[in-house]
Structure formats: structure tokens, C-alpha cells
Amino acid sequence: MEEGFRLWANPSSPHAEGRKARAALEDARERIKAALGWNGELIFTSGASEALWIALNRAKVERRIVSAVEHDAVFRAAPDAEVVPVTDGEVNPETLSNSAGALAAVQYVNSETGTNLMPYVQSKLAESVRDGGGQLLVDCSQSAGKIALPEADMLVVSAHKFGGPIGIGALLVRDFNLIDPVGGHERGYRQGTENLPGAMGMAAALEAGGLDSWATTVEQHFDFKNALFSHGEVIAPGSQCSHIFAVAHPTLSAQALLIRLDAMGFAVSAGSACSSGTLKKSRVLDAFGVPDDVAARTIRVSLGWSTTPEELERFAAAWASLC
């Protein structure tokens, strides 16, 4: 990122300094695609929310279909979308079989519970949507850099979720012909000057981490989860990833837990970080069928690339002391 800040010019400028910045930007783009194993196009954005907005509003489709547990950014971008339920923590491919002329949006890993919405049916889901005449958009904000990308027409990634800088993300598109340009930068598909230092930091973070490195880190978390879940109620609809999970305290409210754990030096949330400031019941937990009284006592715990075994042990002990 420091190198990117020294390249001060706008990557779209035709002069020598602009061309130097453009070369660095395109190098970062190719490095990110290689690290993610993506062979299509990549549009840099300010993060996942903007990438979702572009996909949901510029896709060449007649309607939008979304799962009931998508991130709030999806519902803000497509408030008139058709909503399909989740059953046992998964999206049934049959619910998307009638997707003619539609863009279907499904999270890969849910941001509040860590549920993998496409654990065994990801290829069937993409096949069902395409056979039905639609396109599949997968929000990979919580999985990119940790789990291999699923099959889809468009995918969304966010750098700070895998250790990169805040304020940079991308929309991965199988083919530019799937979306209408808006004018401006990124070949006309995104307005606003590209964040060159952010793009370079995003590439560096992916290369520094990688799926193998993350898998090793996750192995250290299993015993921690078992210790934590021996106190309280696990909120685990369907298949689970190993870096996000939700757990309900026997008696304390989520807000009380946030305050107490914060005083102990731990940062957790009630719901996704984008909506944890509200006292309303989580829309996502409701869609997963979690009872109101349990949802009111549920917190979200997430683990990052820098989380150490010692920190996990301290948190498990703190949680046990509160139970």
C-alpha cells in the first residue's frame, strides 16, 4: 500500500505517471484473480456493498431473486426483489428453477451464523439457475480468501474480510456482457477513481494468506468451538464454516454480553457488524427460524487471520465465566 501511495497519479490519466499507476493497478487485478482462481473479469469497487449494488442494478435481467438471509446491502440495492426461504440452512435449487430473466443472489457463507448456504449443492444451484434462464450472483464476502470460490456468473468479495484494507472490494463477472456499463472508470462499469493503494493491499493480503494458510489456522479453532459451545446454545442452521458462528447465552441479553465482553477485551457483535447497532431482532436469525427469546441472547463471534490460540483460550474462559 505504501508503494501504491507513492504512485500518486490517476490510473486513467494518459501521461507517464498515470500510465505507471495504471500498470500497477492492472498488476494488482491480475494477482487478485490468480489468488482467487478466477478466470473472468474483475471490477474494483469500494467494497462488497457497492459491488452488490452494481450487480443487482446493472445486470441485464428483468427481475431479482434473493434468499431471505442475505446481507442488508442486498435488500437496500434490490428492495423489490423476490425473496425465497432457506430450509435447514440451505437454499433449495428447486426454488430457483423458475429464474427465467432473473438474477438470483445467494450468500456463500452467512455473515451472522457462519452457515454455508451452498455446502453440497453449489454446482446444482448454478445449474438450476442457468437451466432456468437466469444468472447466479454469490456474495463471497465472508468466504473469499478462506474457501475456494463457488461456480457462479458473478461474485462479490471484500478485502478487509481476509486481512486486506477497508474500502476496497471487487465484483467478479464471468463476462462483461452480463451487465450494463454506467460510465466512468473500470472500463465504464464503475464510477469514481480507482483506489490504487487499496487494490495493491488487497492483492498482497490474498497472497500473504491463501487457502492453505487459512486452513491451517482453522484447524486450531476446532477445540475452541467445542469448549465454547459446551456453555450456551449453538445457533447452527445447516452446514457451518469454521470462522464465524453464533451462540446464545442461557440468560444474558446480547447487548449485556457485548458490554461485558468488551470490558474483558473482546470485540463481538449482535448480528452482522453492519447492523449490530440496532436493538431489533435480527432479520437473518428470524429467517433461520430462531425463536425470539433465543435470538435476543445470541452473539456473533468471528475469527480472523491474526487470531491466536491463546486469544481463543482466553475468550472461551471468559465466556464460561459469564455462564
Protein backbone atom coordinates (compact mmCIF):
# COMPACT_ATOMS: atom_id res chain seq x y z
CA MET A 1 0.00 0.00 0.00
CA GLU A 2 2.91 2.36 0.72
CA GLU A 3 4.14 1.74 -2.81
CA GLY A 4 0.65 2.50 -4.11
CA PHE A 5 0.51 5.81 -2.23
CA ARG A 6 3.76 6.85 -3.91
CA LEU A 7 2.09 6.29 -7.30
CA TRP A 8 0.04 9.45 -6.88
CA ALA A 9 -1.45 9.76 -10.38
CA ASN A 10 -4.94 8.81 -11.53
CA PRO A 11 -4.68 5.43 -13.31
CA SER A 12 -6.96 6.80 -16.05
CA SER A 13 -4.62 9.69 -16.89
CA PRO A 14 -2.72 9.31 -20.19
CA HIS A 15 0.57 10.90 -19.02
CA ALA A 16 3.60 8.88 -17.89
CA GLU A 17 2.73 8.94 -14.18
CA GLY A 18 -0.83 7.89 -14.95
CA ARG A 19 0.40 5.01 -17.11
CA LYS A 20 2.67 3.89 -14.28
CA ALA A 21 -0.29 3.89 -11.89
CA ARG A 22 -2.39 2.01 -14.47
CA ALA A 23 0.28 -0.67 -14.82
CA ALA A 24 0.34 -1.16 -11.04
CA LEU A 25 -3.46 -1.34 -10.92
CA GLU A 26 -3.64 -3.95 -13.68
CA ASP A 27 -0.89 -5.95 -12.00
CA ALA A 28 -2.92 -5.96 -8.76
CA ARG A 29 -6.02 -7.00 -10.70
CA GLU A 30 -4.28 -9.99 -12.24
CA ARG A 31 -2.68 -11.01 -8.92
CA ILE A 32 -6.08 -10.95 -7.20
CA LYS A 33 -7.68 -13.01 -9.96
CA ALA A 34 -4.84 -15.54 -9.78
CA ALA A 35 -5.03 -15.79 -5.98
CA LEU A 36 -8.79 -16.35 -6.13
CA GLY A 37 -8.62 -18.73 -9.09
CA TRP A 38 -10.93 -16.51 -11.16
CA ASN A 39 -10.69 -16.52 -14.97
CA GLY A 40 -13.35 -13.89 -15.71
CA GLU A 41 -13.40 -10.12 -15.32
CA LEU A 42 -12.80 -8.11 -12.15
CA ILE A 43 -14.25 -4.66 -11.35
CA PHE A 44 -12.71 -2.85 -8.40
CA THR A 45 -15.25 -1.28 -6.01
CA SER A 46 -15.23 0.42 -2.61
CA GLY A 47 -16.32 -2.85 -1.01
CA ALA A 48 -18.92 -5.59 -1.12
CA SER A 49 -21.94 -3.29 -0.73
CA GLU A 50 -21.08 -1.31 -3.86
CA ALA A 51 -20.28 -4.49 -5.76
CA LEU A 52 -23.69 -5.90 -4.84
CA TRP A 53 -25.38 -2.66 -5.93
CA ILE A 54 -23.70 -2.77 -9.34
CA ALA A 55 -24.60 -6.42 -9.88
CA LEU A 56 -28.20 -6.10 -8.72
CA ASN A 57 -28.88 -2.86 -10.59
CA ARG A 58 -26.80 -3.17 -13.75
CA ALA A 59 -27.28 -6.86 -14.60
CA LYS A 60 -29.13 -7.39 -17.87
CA VAL A 61 -32.11 -9.08 -16.24
CA GLU A 62 -35.80 -8.41 -15.80
CA ARG A 63 -36.11 -9.28 -12.11
CA ARG A 64 -34.11 -10.17 -9.00
CA ILE A 65 -34.46 -13.14 -6.64
CA VAL A 66 -32.69 -13.18 -3.26
CA SER A 67 -32.54 -15.56 -0.32
CA ALA A 68 -34.22 -14.48 2.92
CA VAL A 69 -30.90 -14.38 4.81
CA GLU A 70 -28.92 -12.11 2.51
CA HIS A 71 -26.96 -9.15 3.88
CA ASP A 72 -28.87 -5.88 4.32
CA ALA A 73 -26.87 -4.42 1.41
CA VAL A 74 -28.71 -6.79 -0.93
CA PHE A 75 -32.14 -5.66 0.25
CA ARG A 76 -31.12 -2.00 0.04
CA ALA A 77 -29.89 -2.49 -3.53
CA ALA A 78 -32.93 -4.52 -4.59
CA PRO A 79 -35.87 -3.66 -2.31
CA ASP A 80 -38.36 -5.08 -4.81
CA ALA A 81 -36.63 -8.46 -5.19
CA GLU A 82 -38.48 -11.74 -4.86
CA VAL A 83 -37.46 -13.48 -1.63
CA VAL A 84 -37.00 -17.25 -1.36
CA PRO A 85 -36.75 -19.04 2.02
CA VAL A 86 -33.90 -21.14 3.38
CA THR A 87 -34.63 -24.67 4.57
CA ASP A 88 -32.33 -26.41 7.06
CA GLY A 89 -29.72 -23.76 6.38
CA GLU A 90 -29.66 -24.19 2.60
CA VAL A 91 -31.20 -22.68 -0.49
CA ASN A 92 -33.07 -25.41 -2.35
CA PRO A 93 -32.13 -25.38 -6.06
CA GLU A 94 -35.76 -26.07 -6.92
CA THR A 95 -36.78 -22.66 -5.51
CA LEU A 96 -34.59 -21.07 -8.20
CA SER A 97 -35.62 -23.30 -11.08
CA ASN A 98 -38.07 -20.66 -12.32
CA SER A 99 -35.41 -18.00 -12.76
CA ALA A 100 -36.02 -17.03 -16.36
CA GLY A 101 -34.77 -13.49 -16.92
CA ALA A 102 -33.68 -13.17 -13.28
CA LEU A 103 -30.55 -12.56 -11.27
CA ALA A 104 -30.55 -14.84 -8.22
CA ALA A 105 -28.46 -13.65 -5.26
CA VAL A 106 -27.25 -16.14 -2.63
CA GLN A 107 -24.62 -15.78 0.11
CA TYR A 108 -21.91 -18.41 0.19
CA VAL A 109 -21.35 -18.04 3.95
CA ASN A 110 -23.87 -16.19 6.10
CA SER A 111 -22.38 -13.23 7.93
CA GLU A 112 -24.30 -13.77 11.18
CA THR A 113 -24.32 -17.52 11.73
CA GLY A 114 -21.47 -18.83 9.58
CA THR A 115 -23.92 -21.08 7.74
CA ASN A 116 -22.69 -22.30 4.37
CA LEU A 117 -25.80 -21.83 2.25
CA MET A 118 -24.36 -23.85 -0.63
CA PRO A 119 -22.46 -26.72 1.05
CA TYR A 120 -23.23 -29.62 -1.24
CA VAL A 121 -25.43 -28.11 -3.91
CA GLN A 122 -23.36 -25.20 -5.23
CA SER A 123 -22.96 -26.72 -8.70
CA LYS A 124 -26.62 -27.77 -8.71
CA LEU A 125 -27.62 -24.26 -7.68
CA ALA A 126 -25.71 -22.66 -10.54
CA GLU A 127 -27.01 -25.30 -12.94
CA SER A 128 -30.59 -24.81 -11.76
CA VAL A 129 -30.42 -21.04 -12.24
CA ARG A 130 -28.81 -21.27 -15.66
CA ASP A 131 -31.16 -24.01 -16.86
CA GLY A 132 -34.00 -21.77 -15.73
CA GLY A 133 -32.65 -18.95 -17.89
CA GLY A 134 -31.19 -16.80 -15.09
CA GLN A 135 -27.86 -15.68 -13.68
CA LEU A 136 -26.35 -16.54 -10.29
CA LEU A 137 -24.77 -13.86 -8.06
CA VAL A 138 -22.92 -15.19 -4.99
CA ASP A 139 -21.89 -12.93 -2.10
CA CYS A 140 -18.49 -14.32 -1.10
CA SER A 141 -17.63 -11.53 1.33
CA GLN A 142 -17.27 -13.95 4.24
CA SER A 143 -15.64 -16.79 2.31
CA ALA A 144 -13.25 -15.36 -0.30
CA GLY A 145 -9.63 -15.97 0.62
CA LYS A 146 -10.70 -18.73 3.02
CA ILE A 147 -12.84 -21.08 0.91
CA ALA A 148 -12.49 -21.68 -2.84
CA LEU A 149 -14.93 -19.66 -4.94
CA PRO A 150 -18.15 -21.43 -5.98
CA GLU A 151 -19.43 -21.66 -9.53
CA ALA A 152 -21.39 -18.52 -10.44
CA ASP A 153 -21.91 -15.82 -13.05
CA MET A 154 -20.97 -13.01 -10.66
CA LEU A 155 -19.31 -12.98 -7.24
CA VAL A 156 -18.66 -10.30 -4.65
CA VAL A 157 -15.52 -10.06 -2.47
CA SER A 158 -14.35 -7.62 0.21
CA ALA A 159 -10.67 -7.14 1.09
CA HIS A 160 -10.95 -6.43 4.80
CA LYS A 161 -12.61 -9.80 5.37
CA PHE A 162 -9.34 -11.59 4.57
CA GLY A 163 -6.89 -9.16 6.15
CA GLY A 164 -6.73 -6.51 3.44
CA PRO A 165 -7.55 -2.81 3.80
CA ILE A 166 -11.01 -1.41 4.42
CA GLY A 167 -12.58 0.42 1.48
CA ILE A 168 -11.68 -1.92 -1.38
CA GLY A 169 -13.54 -4.87 -2.86
CA ALA A 170 -14.50 -6.27 -6.22
CA LEU A 171 -17.28 -7.59 -8.40
CA LEU A 172 -16.15 -10.67 -10.30
CA VAL A 173 -18.05 -11.07 -13.57
CA ARG A 174 -17.91 -14.07 -15.86
CA ASP A 175 -18.46 -11.82 -18.86
CA PHE A 176 -18.86 -8.04 -19.16
CA ASN A 177 -21.82 -8.68 -21.47
CA LEU A 178 -23.85 -9.69 -18.39
CA ILE A 179 -24.02 -6.10 -17.08
CA ASP A 180 -24.67 -2.63 -18.48
CA PRO A 181 -21.90 -0.03 -18.12
CA VAL A 182 -22.56 3.10 -16.06
CA GLY A 183 -19.78 5.25 -17.48
CA GLY A 184 -16.64 6.42 -15.74
CA HIS A 185 -13.79 4.16 -14.68
CA GLU A 186 -13.19 0.41 -14.64
CA ARG A 187 -13.91 0.19 -18.38
CA GLY A 188 -17.09 2.15 -17.77
CA TYR A 189 -18.58 -0.25 -15.24
CA ARG A 190 -17.88 1.77 -12.10
CA GLN A 191 -17.83 5.49 -11.37
CA GLY A 192 -15.08 7.01 -9.25
CA THR A 193 -11.30 6.95 -9.41
CA GLU A 194 -9.78 3.58 -8.57
CA ASN A 195 -8.25 3.08 -5.13
CA LEU A 196 -4.77 2.02 -6.22
CA PRO A 197 -3.19 1.60 -2.75
CA GLY A 198 -6.25 -0.40 -1.67
CA ALA A 199 -6.07 -2.66 -4.73
CA MET A 200 -2.39 -3.33 -4.12
CA GLY A 201 -3.08 -4.04 -0.45
CA MET A 202 -5.90 -6.39 -1.43
CA ALA A 203 -3.58 -8.36 -3.71
CA ALA A 204 -0.86 -8.51 -1.05
CA ALA A 205 -3.29 -9.74 1.61
CA LEU A 206 -4.56 -12.57 -0.57
CA GLU A 207 -1.04 -13.64 -1.43
CA ALA A 208 0.10 -13.44 2.21
CA GLY A 209 -2.82 -15.54 3.42
CA GLY A 210 -4.06 -18.05 0.91
CA LEU A 211 -6.39 -21.01 1.33
CA ASP A 212 -3.71 -23.34 2.69
CA SER A 213 -2.64 -20.85 5.35
CA TRP A 214 -6.23 -20.24 6.38
CA ALA A 215 -7.00 -23.96 6.57
CA THR A 216 -4.08 -24.39 9.00
CA THR A 217 -5.42 -21.56 11.15
CA VAL A 218 -8.92 -23.02 11.16
CA GLU A 219 -7.62 -26.36 12.43
CA GLN A 220 -6.57 -24.59 15.62
CA HIS A 221 -10.13 -23.35 16.16
CA PHE A 222 -11.98 -26.65 16.42
CA ASP A 223 -11.19 -27.39 20.07
CA PHE A 224 -12.06 -23.79 20.90
CA LYS A 225 -15.51 -24.10 19.35
CA ASN A 226 -16.20 -27.30 21.26
CA ALA A 227 -15.16 -25.64 24.52
CA LEU A 228 -17.26 -22.57 23.81
CA PHE A 229 -20.33 -24.50 22.75
CA SER A 230 -20.30 -26.54 25.96
CA HIS A 231 -21.67 -23.36 27.55
CA GLY A 232 -24.75 -21.88 25.89
CA GLU A 233 -26.82 -22.80 22.86
CA VAL A 234 -25.30 -23.14 19.42
CA ILE A 235 -27.16 -21.36 16.62
CA ALA A 236 -26.10 -23.58 13.74
CA PRO A 237 -28.65 -23.99 10.97
CA GLY A 238 -27.20 -26.35 8.39
CA SER A 239 -23.56 -26.77 7.44
CA GLN A 240 -21.11 -24.47 9.23
CA CYS A 241 -17.87 -22.76 8.30
CA SER A 242 -15.15 -22.52 10.94
CA HIS A 243 -14.54 -18.79 11.24
CA ILE A 244 -18.00 -17.36 12.05
CA PHE A 245 -20.57 -18.74 14.43
CA ALA A 246 -23.44 -17.66 16.65
CA VAL A 247 -24.03 -18.74 20.23
CA ALA A 248 -26.83 -17.89 22.66
CA HIS A 249 -26.20 -17.27 26.35
CA PRO A 250 -28.50 -19.10 28.80
CA THR A 251 -29.79 -15.87 30.40
CA LEU A 252 -27.93 -12.67 29.42
CA SER A 253 -29.12 -10.47 26.55
CA ALA A 254 -26.90 -9.91 23.54
CA GLN A 255 -26.41 -6.25 24.45
CA ALA A 256 -25.34 -7.17 28.00
CA LEU A 257 -22.90 -9.72 26.58
CA LEU A 258 -21.39 -7.15 24.21
CA ILE A 259 -20.77 -4.75 27.10
CA ARG A 260 -19.31 -7.37 29.44
CA LEU A 261 -17.09 -9.00 26.83
CA ASP A 262 -15.90 -5.61 25.63
CA ALA A 263 -14.84 -4.80 29.20
CA MET A 264 -12.87 -8.07 29.17
CA GLY A 265 -11.10 -7.06 25.96
CA PHE A 266 -13.12 -8.97 23.38
CA ALA A 267 -14.91 -7.50 20.36
CA VAL A 268 -18.01 -9.45 19.32
CA SER A 269 -21.31 -8.35 17.83
CA ALA A 270 -25.03 -9.00 17.84
CA GLY A 271 -25.76 -9.78 14.20
CA SER A 272 -23.54 -8.61 11.36
CA ALA A 273 -21.28 -5.66 12.09
CA CYS A 274 -23.26 -3.52 9.64
CA SER A 275 -26.47 -3.90 11.64
CA SER A 276 -25.30 -4.63 15.18
CA GLY A 277 -26.14 -1.11 16.38
CA THR A 278 -29.85 -1.84 16.28
CA LEU A 279 -31.83 -3.39 19.14
CA LYS A 280 -34.31 -5.06 16.80
CA LYS A 281 -34.35 -8.81 16.37
CA SER A 282 -32.02 -9.95 13.64
CA ARG A 283 -33.89 -10.41 10.36
CA VAL A 284 -31.45 -13.20 9.49
CA LEU A 285 -31.99 -15.17 12.70
CA ASP A 286 -35.72 -14.79 12.18
CA ALA A 287 -35.43 -16.18 8.64
CA PHE A 288 -33.43 -19.12 10.00
CA GLY A 289 -36.30 -19.83 12.40
CA VAL A 290 -34.51 -18.90 15.64
CA PRO A 291 -37.08 -18.17 18.40
CA ASP A 292 -37.31 -14.57 19.60
CA ASP A 293 -36.09 -15.28 23.12
CA VAL A 294 -33.04 -17.16 21.82
CA ALA A 295 -32.22 -14.51 19.22
CA ALA A 296 -32.26 -11.86 21.96
CA ARG A 297 -29.43 -13.76 23.73
CA THR A 298 -27.35 -14.52 20.64
CA ILE A 299 -23.97 -13.03 19.76
CA ARG A 300 -21.83 -13.44 16.68
CA VAL A 301 -18.20 -14.48 17.12
CA SER A 302 -15.76 -14.33 14.22
CA LEU A 303 -12.13 -15.40 13.94
CA GLY A 304 -9.51 -13.71 11.77
CA TRP A 305 -6.16 -14.49 10.20
CA SER A 306 -4.39 -12.92 13.19
CA THR A 307 -6.40 -14.72 15.90
CA THR A 308 -4.08 -16.74 18.13
CA PRO A 309 -4.77 -19.96 20.09
CA GLU A 310 -4.06 -18.04 23.30
CA GLU A 311 -6.75 -15.49 22.47
CA LEU A 312 -9.21 -18.28 21.80
CA GLU A 313 -8.45 -19.89 25.14
CA ARG A 314 -8.93 -16.57 26.95
CA PHE A 315 -12.22 -15.96 25.21
CA ALA A 316 -13.51 -19.46 25.99
CA ALA A 317 -12.61 -18.90 29.65
CA ALA A 318 -14.33 -15.50 29.67
CA TRP A 319 -17.47 -16.97 28.09
CA ALA A 320 -17.53 -19.81 30.63
CA SER A 321 -17.21 -17.30 33.48
CA LEU A 322 -20.30 -15.48 32.21
CA CYS A 323 -22.30 -18.70 32.05
